[in-house]
Protein backbone atom coordinates (compact mmCIF):
# COMPACT_ATOMS: atom_id res chain seq x y z
CA MET A 1 51.29 -96.92 -168.65
CA THR A 2 48.40 -95.73 -170.24
CA ALA A 3 44.61 -95.54 -168.90
CA ASP A 4 42.32 -98.07 -169.99
CA PRO A 5 39.75 -96.11 -172.19
CA SER A 6 36.98 -98.51 -170.85
CA VAL A 7 36.98 -96.97 -167.73
CA GLY A 8 36.28 -93.82 -168.39
CA GLU A 9 39.26 -92.02 -170.68
CA ILE A 10 38.42 -90.72 -173.90
CA ALA A 11 39.69 -93.63 -176.52
CA ASP A 12 41.95 -92.67 -179.46
CA ARG A 13 41.07 -93.97 -183.14
CA TRP A 14 44.00 -96.60 -182.34
CA GLU A 15 42.22 -98.27 -179.30
CA VAL A 16 38.68 -98.10 -181.24
CA GLU A 17 39.93 -99.80 -184.10
CA ARG A 18 41.85 -102.38 -182.09
CA GLU A 19 38.53 -102.81 -180.03
CA LEU A 20 36.42 -103.44 -183.32
CA ARG A 21 39.07 -105.87 -184.76
CA ARG A 22 38.88 -107.86 -181.10
CA VAL A 23 34.88 -107.84 -181.13
CA VAL A 24 34.86 -109.02 -184.72
CA ASP A 25 37.49 -111.53 -184.41
CA ARG A 26 35.96 -112.80 -181.25
CA LEU A 27 32.53 -112.97 -182.88
CA GLY A 28 33.95 -114.68 -185.92
CA ALA A 29 35.36 -117.57 -183.95
CA LEU A 30 32.30 -118.21 -181.74
CA PRO A 31 30.60 -121.37 -182.50
CA LEU A 32 27.44 -120.84 -184.26
CA ALA A 33 25.25 -121.89 -181.11
CA ARG A 34 27.25 -119.58 -178.88
CA ALA A 35 26.60 -116.51 -181.67
CA ALA A 36 23.08 -117.51 -181.41
CA ALA A 37 23.07 -116.93 -178.20
CA ALA A 38 24.79 -113.68 -178.24
CA ALA A 39 22.56 -112.24 -181.24
CA GLY A 40 20.91 -110.11 -178.72
CA ASP A 41 23.70 -108.27 -177.55
CA VAL A 42 25.32 -107.82 -180.85
CA GLN A 43 21.76 -106.43 -182.30
CA VAL A 44 21.96 -103.73 -179.09
CA CYS A 45 25.63 -102.86 -180.23
CA ALA A 46 24.72 -102.71 -183.89
CA ARG A 47 21.43 -100.49 -183.19
CA ARG A 48 23.97 -98.02 -180.90
CA LEU A 49 26.73 -98.01 -183.83
CA VAL A 50 23.67 -96.82 -186.09
CA THR A 51 22.98 -94.20 -183.60
CA VAL A 52 26.58 -93.32 -183.58
CA GLY A 53 26.74 -93.20 -187.48
CA ARG A 54 23.92 -91.23 -187.93
CA ARG A 55 25.10 -88.69 -185.67
CA LEU A 56 28.66 -88.50 -187.22
CA GLY A 57 26.75 -88.10 -190.75
CA VAL A 58 26.94 -91.56 -192.15
CA PRO A 59 23.75 -91.72 -194.73
CA ILE A 60 21.60 -94.01 -192.84
CA PRO A 61 17.96 -93.60 -193.79
CA THR A 62 15.82 -92.91 -190.47
CA ASP A 63 13.62 -95.60 -191.36
CA ALA A 64 16.63 -97.87 -191.83
CA GLN A 65 16.17 -101.52 -189.28
CA VAL A 66 19.36 -103.22 -188.27
CA PRO A 67 18.84 -106.49 -190.12
CA ASP A 68 19.10 -109.84 -188.67
CA LEU A 69 22.03 -111.96 -190.42
CA GLY A 70 21.85 -115.01 -188.22
CA PRO A 71 24.49 -116.28 -186.18
CA SER A 72 27.13 -116.09 -189.32
CA GLY A 73 26.64 -112.89 -190.07
CA LEU A 74 27.24 -111.23 -186.70
CA ALA A 75 30.68 -110.54 -187.05
CA ALA A 76 29.81 -108.73 -190.52
CA LEU A 77 27.25 -106.62 -189.00
CA ILE A 78 29.71 -105.36 -186.59
CA ALA A 79 32.59 -105.18 -188.66
CA VAL A 80 30.65 -103.29 -191.46
CA LEU A 81 28.92 -100.59 -188.95
CA GLY A 82 32.19 -100.25 -187.22
CA ARG A 83 33.86 -99.23 -190.29
CA ASP A 84 31.49 -97.10 -191.70
CA CYS A 85 31.47 -94.88 -188.33
CA LEU A 86 34.97 -94.76 -187.64
CA ASP A 87 35.38 -93.24 -191.41
CA ALA A 88 33.00 -90.92 -190.43
CA VAL A 89 34.59 -89.85 -187.40
CA PRO A 90 36.55 -86.25 -188.11
CA GLN A 91 39.88 -85.97 -186.87
CA GLY A 92 40.02 -85.00 -183.52
CA ASP A 93 36.10 -85.81 -182.55
CA ALA A 94 36.80 -87.94 -179.21
CA HIS A 95 33.12 -87.90 -178.33
CA GLY A 96 31.94 -90.31 -181.12
CA LEU A 97 35.17 -92.27 -180.64
CA GLN A 98 34.41 -92.57 -177.00
CA ASP A 99 30.82 -93.61 -177.98
CA MET A 100 31.71 -96.53 -180.60
CA HIS A 101 34.46 -97.87 -177.95
CA ALA A 102 32.08 -97.69 -175.07
CA ALA A 103 29.41 -99.91 -177.27
CA LEU A 104 32.12 -102.18 -178.62
CA VAL A 105 33.73 -102.92 -175.16
CA GLU A 106 30.26 -103.47 -173.35
CA LEU A 107 29.56 -106.17 -176.39
CA ARG A 108 32.77 -107.90 -175.87
CA ARG A 109 32.32 -108.19 -172.26
CA THR A 110 29.04 -109.65 -172.81
CA LEU A 111 30.29 -112.18 -175.25
CA PRO A 112 30.95 -115.93 -174.18
């Protein structure tokens, strides 16, 4: 049995991709009222992913703001930011993967 990376182990690419899918699927399945209630937590995660992306070299302007897409756009927001970060992670960069994984796990745990 492998250790759960959400409790301190280094996540690998497959685990981060799986967590991204889980979060995006869950956000997409939420009724709009519940998605609206989760919007603040999603924005926090999105800002963390932007920070990770910038560190990995994703060309995000320094003055760019995370857009407010409303409750129906939350899944797409996390999907795009997460995929951009994953695509930018160099092979073997465990730190970038771990930061992404931690942000996604924290978001998933706050979702209704």
